[in-house]
C-alpha atoms as a PDB file:
ATOM      1  CA  MET A   1      79.430  93.145  68.621  1.00  0.00           C
ATOM      2  CA  ASN A   2      78.624  92.460  72.250  1.00  0.00           C
ATOM      3  CA  MET A   3      78.788  95.022  75.051  1.00  0.00           C
ATOM      4  CA  GLU A   4      82.171  93.821  76.287  1.00  0.00           C
ATOM      5  CA  ASP A   5      83.681  94.306  72.799  1.00  0.00           C
ATOM      6  CA  ASP A   6      82.139  97.795  72.578  1.00  0.00           C
ATOM      7  CA  LEU A   7      83.611  98.703  75.968  1.00  0.00           C
ATOM      8  CA  GLN A   8      87.042  97.491  74.852  1.00  0.00           C
ATOM      9  CA  VAL A   9      86.894  99.506  71.620  1.00  0.00           C
ATOM     10  CA  ARG A  10      85.864 102.647  73.520  1.00  0.00           C
ATOM     11  CA  TRP A  11      88.635 102.046  76.080  1.00  0.00           C
ATOM     12  CA  TRP A  12      91.228 101.695  73.284  1.00  0.00           C
ATOM     13  CA  LYS A  13      90.085 105.060  71.902  1.00  0.00           C
ATOM     14  CA  LEU A  14      90.626 106.642  75.324  1.00  0.00           C
ATOM     15  CA  GLU A  15      94.066 105.018  75.598  1.00  0.00           C
ATOM     16  CA  GLU A  16      94.945 106.364  72.155  1.00  0.00           C
ATOM     17  CA  LYS A  17      93.934 109.921  73.102  1.00  0.00           C
ATOM     18  CA  MET A  18      95.876 109.653  76.366  1.00  0.00           C
ATOM     19  CA  MET A  19      98.941 108.378  74.492  1.00  0.00           C
ATOM     20  CA  GLN A  20      98.743 111.358  72.136  1.00  0.00           C
ATOM     21  CA  ARG A  21      98.441 113.750  75.054  1.00  0.00           C
ATOM     22  CA  PHE A  22     100.872 112.246  77.577  1.00  0.00           C
ATOM     23  CA  GLY A  23     103.169 110.093  75.444  1.00  0.00           C
ATOM     24  CA  LYS A  24     102.463 106.764  77.095  1.00  0.00           C
ATOM     25  CA  LYS A  25      99.690 104.214  77.342  1.00  0.00           C
ATOM     26  CA  PRO A  26      97.811 104.505  80.639  1.00  0.00           C
ATOM     27  CA  ASP A  27      96.326 101.711  82.698  1.00  0.00           C
ATOM     28  CA  LEU A  28      93.100 102.078  84.671  1.00  0.00           C
ATOM     29  CA  GLU A  29      94.938 103.199  87.813  1.00  0.00           C
ATOM     30  CA  SER A  30      96.775 105.927  85.898  1.00  0.00           C
ATOM     31  CA  VAL A  31      93.536 107.174  84.382  1.00  0.00           C
ATOM     32  CA  LEU A  32      91.873 107.246  87.808  1.00  0.00           C
ATOM     33  CA  PHE A  33      94.865 109.159  89.194  1.00  0.00           C
ATOM     34  CA  LEU A  34      94.517 111.741  86.399  1.00  0.00           C
ATOM     35  CA  ILE A  35      90.789 112.117  87.089  1.00  0.00           C
ATOM     36  CA  GLY A  36      91.587 112.622  90.771  1.00  0.00           C
ATOM     37  CA  LEU A  37      94.099 115.339  89.875  1.00  0.00           C
ATOM     38  CA  GLN A  38      91.545 116.967  87.586  1.00  0.00           C
ATOM     39  CA  GLU A  39      88.878 116.949  90.294  1.00  0.00           C
ATOM     40  CA  LEU A  40      91.266 118.239  92.951  1.00  0.00           C
ATOM     41  CA  GLY A  41      92.452 120.950  90.592  1.00  0.00           C
ATOM     42  CA  ALA A  42      95.946 120.756  92.007  1.00  0.00           C
ATOM     43  CA  GLY A  43      99.237 121.149  90.270  1.00  0.00           C
ATOM     44  CA  GLN A  44     101.455 119.743  92.993  1.00  0.00           C
ATOM     45  CA  GLU A  45     104.487 117.879  91.643  1.00  0.00           C
ATOM     46  CA  LYS A  46     104.905 115.166  94.283  1.00  0.00           C
ATOM     47  CA  TYR A  47     102.268 113.180  96.143  1.00  0.00           C
ATOM     48  CA  THR A  48     102.698 110.701  98.958  1.00  0.00           C
ATOM     49  CA  LYS A  49     101.466 107.151  98.474  1.00  0.00           C
ATOM     50  CA  GLU A  50      98.487 107.975 100.708  1.00  0.00           C
ATOM     51  CA  GLN A  51      97.670 111.102  98.683  1.00  0.00           C
ATOM     52  CA  LYS A  52      97.810 109.067  95.458  1.00  0.00           C
ATOM     53  CA  GLN A  53      95.350 106.586  96.965  1.00  0.00           C
ATOM     54  CA  ASP A  54      93.144 109.489  98.068  1.00  0.00           C
ATOM     55  CA  LEU A  55      93.235 110.938  94.534  1.00  0.00           C
ATOM     56  CA  MET A  56      92.140 107.584  93.103  1.00  0.00           C
ATOM     57  CA  HIS A  57      89.344 107.426  95.695  1.00  0.00           C
ATOM     58  CA  VAL A  58      88.199 110.914  94.633  1.00  0.00           C
ATOM     59  CA  ALA A  59      88.212 109.704  91.026  1.00  0.00           C
ATOM     60  CA  ILE A  60      86.196 106.572  91.782  1.00  0.00           C
ATOM     61  CA  CYS A  61      83.617 108.528  93.767  1.00  0.00           C
ATOM     62  CA  THR A  62      83.444 111.134  91.001  1.00  0.00           C
ATOM     63  CA  VAL A  63      82.917 108.692  88.139  1.00  0.00           C
ATOM     64  CA  LEU A  64      80.409 106.596  90.089  1.00  0.00           C
ATOM     65  CA  SER A  65      78.425 109.665  91.151  1.00  0.00           C
ATOM     66  CA  SER A  66      76.951 109.819  87.625  1.00  0.00           C
ATOM     67  CA  SER A  67      75.130 106.559  88.428  1.00  0.00           C
ATOM     68  CA  GLY A  68      73.999 107.685  91.866  1.00  0.00           C
ATOM     69  CA  TYR A  69      76.480 105.687  93.943  1.00  0.00           C
ATOM     70  CA  TYR A  70      78.108 108.756  95.493  1.00  0.00           C
ATOM     71  CA  GLU A  71      77.280 112.387  96.092  1.00  0.00           C
ATOM     72  CA  LEU A  72      79.684 115.237  96.694  1.00  0.00           C
ATOM     73  CA  GLU A  73      79.260 116.400 100.297  1.00  0.00           C
ATOM     74  CA  GLY A  74      81.684 119.265 100.109  1.00  0.00           C
ATOM     75  CA  VAL A  75      85.298 120.311 100.014  1.00  0.00           C
ATOM     76  CA  ASP A  76      87.580 120.531 103.044  1.00  0.00           C
ATOM     77  CA  LYS A  77      89.846 123.469 103.933  1.00  0.00           C
ATOM     78  CA  ASP A  78      92.668 121.962 101.833  1.00  0.00           C
ATOM     79  CA  GLY A  79      90.462 121.732  98.752  1.00  0.00           C
ATOM     80  CA  TRP A  80      89.904 117.972  98.864  1.00  0.00           C
ATOM     81  CA  PRO A  81      86.402 116.818  97.861  1.00  0.00           C
ATOM     82  CA  HIS A  82      84.493 114.511 100.204  1.00  0.00           C
ATOM     83  CA  PHE A  83      81.731 112.169  99.102  1.00  0.00           C
ATOM     84  CA  ARG A  84      78.845 110.355 100.715  1.00  0.00           C
ATOM     85  CA  GLN A  85      77.932 106.880  99.498  1.00  0.00           C
ATOM     86  CA  LEU A  86      74.271 106.738  98.470  1.00  0.00           C
ATOM     87  CA  LYS A  87      73.941 103.092  97.503  1.00  0.00           C
ATOM     88  CA  GLU A  88      75.910  99.902  97.794  1.00  0.00           C
ATOM     89  CA  ILE A  89      78.035  98.642  94.953  1.00  0.00           C
ATOM     90  CA  VAL A  90      77.101  95.027  94.352  1.00  0.00           C
ATOM     91  CA  PRO A  91      80.065  92.672  94.834  1.00  0.00           C
ATOM     92  CA  MET A  92      81.285  91.375  91.474  1.00  0.00           C
ATOM     93  CA  PRO A  93      84.225  89.444  90.051  1.00  0.00           C
ATOM     94  CA  LEU A  94      87.407  91.435  89.422  1.00  0.00           C
ATOM     95  CA  LYS A  95      87.053  91.576  85.605  1.00  0.00           C
ATOM     96  CA  GLN A  96      83.445  92.753  85.885  1.00  0.00           C
ATOM     97  CA  GLN A  97      84.507  95.305  88.512  1.00  0.00           C
ATOM     98  CA  GLU A  98      87.190  96.635  86.152  1.00  0.00           C
ATOM     99  CA  ASP A  99      84.718  96.866  83.259  1.00  0.00           C
ATOM    100  CA  PHE A 100      82.206  98.631  85.529  1.00  0.00           C
ATOM    101  CA  LEU A 101      84.820 101.245  86.418  1.00  0.00           C
ATOM    102  CA  LYS A 102      86.054 101.589  82.824  1.00  0.00           C
ATOM    103  CA  ASP A 103      82.510 102.212  81.623  1.00  0.00           C
ATOM    104  CA  HIS A 104      82.069 104.973  84.207  1.00  0.00           C
ATOM    105  CA  VAL A 105      85.479 106.459  83.384  1.00  0.00           C
ATOM    106  CA  LEU A 106      84.497 106.606  79.709  1.00  0.00           C
ATOM    107  CA  LEU A 107      81.231 108.332  80.632  1.00  0.00           C
ATOM    108  CA  TYR A 108      83.204 110.856  82.704  1.00  0.00           C
ATOM    109  CA  PHE A 109      85.454 111.689  79.746  1.00  0.00           C
ATOM    110  CA  GLN A 110      82.451 112.018  77.442  1.00  0.00           C
ATOM    111  CA  GLN A 111      80.836 114.435  79.885  1.00  0.00           C
ATOM    112  CA  GLU A 112      84.130 116.359  80.079  1.00  0.00           C
ATOM    113  CA  GLN A 113      84.094 116.421  76.264  1.00  0.00           C
ATOM    114  CA  PHE A 114      87.458 114.698  76.047  1.00  0.00           C
ATOM    115  CA  LEU A 115      85.904 111.892  74.009  1.00  0.00           C
ATOM    116  CA  ASP A 116      83.459 112.088  71.119  1.00  0.00           C
END
């Protein structure tokens, strides 16, 4: 089994757990949105398009911080986390970019003890 196959198997396990919990299969954007909500700690019902994008940005910064790409600088008066980029993310093809993010998302859920 190569690394790409392993990543896919681990991603399917995450999708399965999410389906059990939320009743539908999530895509990467949905998972990032959920991570953003988790990190913000908010229970607001409705978000603007801009807020949804901000939540996904929070999620990306959060998951990539485990590899030293970002560092939490602090939280603003509204409770939104702000990050500082520590190193550049090397440009890569879209599929590789998606796999890079998925791998970091899976690590995040392992650290949160959502996955075995």
